[in-house]
Amino acid sequence: MSPQLGLDCLQAYIKNHSVRDGVPKDWAYYRIAQIYKNLGDKNDALNWINKALSSRSDFEEAEEEKEQILSM
């Protein structure tokens, strides 16, 4: 799967999200941050990981991901 396809799918998920989906939007933010990190885009990765953390401050996986992004 291409990174752009992943980003498009996650953006559609966020846009159409409802509580019935069962997976919080902060996970989509987290995954978008990972894609940008893997593409070497530190600024976009940080923006999305910060969005995930602002949505849920005790998001341990996102905290670990942020450390990896900051070390880029």
Protein backbone atom coordinates (compact mmCIF):
# COMPACT_ATOMS: atom_id res chain seq x y z
CA MET A 1 0.00 0.00 0.00
CA SER A 2 1.30 3.45 -0.84
CA PRO A 3 1.75 6.05 1.90
CA GLN A 4 -0.63 8.39 0.07
CA LEU A 5 -3.35 5.75 -0.03
CA GLY A 6 -2.90 5.19 3.71
CA LEU A 7 -3.13 8.93 4.37
CA ASP A 8 -6.25 9.22 2.20
CA CYS A 9 -7.95 6.32 3.98
CA LEU A 10 -7.12 7.68 7.43
CA GLN A 11 -8.34 11.17 6.46
CA ALA A 12 -11.63 9.64 5.25
CA TYR A 13 -11.92 7.72 8.53
CA ILE A 14 -11.44 10.93 10.55
CA LYS A 15 -13.90 12.86 8.39
CA ASN A 16 -16.61 10.19 8.71
CA HIS A 17 -15.85 9.09 12.27
CA SER A 18 -18.62 8.32 14.72
CA VAL A 19 -18.62 6.71 18.17
CA ARG A 20 -20.03 3.55 16.59
CA ASP A 21 -16.70 2.99 14.80
CA GLY A 22 -15.21 1.69 18.02
CA VAL A 23 -11.71 3.08 17.37
CA PRO A 24 -11.01 6.61 18.61
CA LYS A 25 -9.78 9.24 16.17
CA ASP A 26 -6.56 9.61 18.20
CA TRP A 27 -5.42 6.25 16.76
CA ALA A 28 -5.90 7.62 13.23
CA TYR A 29 -3.86 10.70 14.19
CA TYR A 30 -1.17 8.36 15.55
CA ARG A 31 -1.05 6.32 12.34
CA ILE A 32 -0.87 9.46 10.18
CA ALA A 33 2.07 10.64 12.29
CA GLN A 34 3.79 7.28 11.71
CA ILE A 35 3.35 7.56 7.95
CA TYR A 36 4.84 11.05 7.91
CA LYS A 37 7.70 9.87 10.13
CA ASN A 38 8.43 7.02 7.71
CA LEU A 39 8.40 9.54 4.84
CA GLY A 40 10.96 11.64 6.70
CA ASP A 41 8.54 14.56 7.23
CA LYS A 42 9.30 15.54 10.81
CA ASN A 43 7.05 18.63 10.92
CA ASP A 44 3.88 16.88 9.74
CA ALA A 45 4.66 13.87 11.94
CA LEU A 46 4.98 16.13 14.98
CA ASN A 47 1.76 17.97 14.15
CA TRP A 48 -0.22 14.74 13.98
CA ILE A 49 1.36 13.10 17.03
CA ASN A 50 0.65 16.25 19.05
CA LYS A 51 -2.96 16.10 17.86
CA ALA A 52 -3.18 12.50 19.10
CA LEU A 53 -1.70 13.50 22.47
CA SER A 54 -3.98 16.51 22.85
CA SER A 55 -6.92 14.18 22.30
CA ARG A 56 -5.68 11.71 24.95
CA SER A 57 -2.85 12.77 27.25
CA ASP A 58 -2.21 9.23 28.59
CA PHE A 59 -1.59 7.77 25.10
CA GLU A 60 1.61 5.85 25.86
CA GLU A 61 2.25 4.63 22.31
CA ALA A 62 1.96 8.21 21.04
CA GLU A 63 4.41 9.42 23.68
CA GLU A 64 6.94 6.82 22.51
CA GLU A 65 6.31 7.74 18.87
CA LYS A 66 6.85 11.42 19.65
CA GLU A 67 10.26 10.63 21.15
CA GLN A 68 11.22 8.81 17.94
CA ILE A 69 9.99 11.70 15.80
CA LEU A 70 11.91 14.25 17.86
CA SER A 71 15.10 12.23 17.41
CA MET A 72 14.82 12.40 13.59
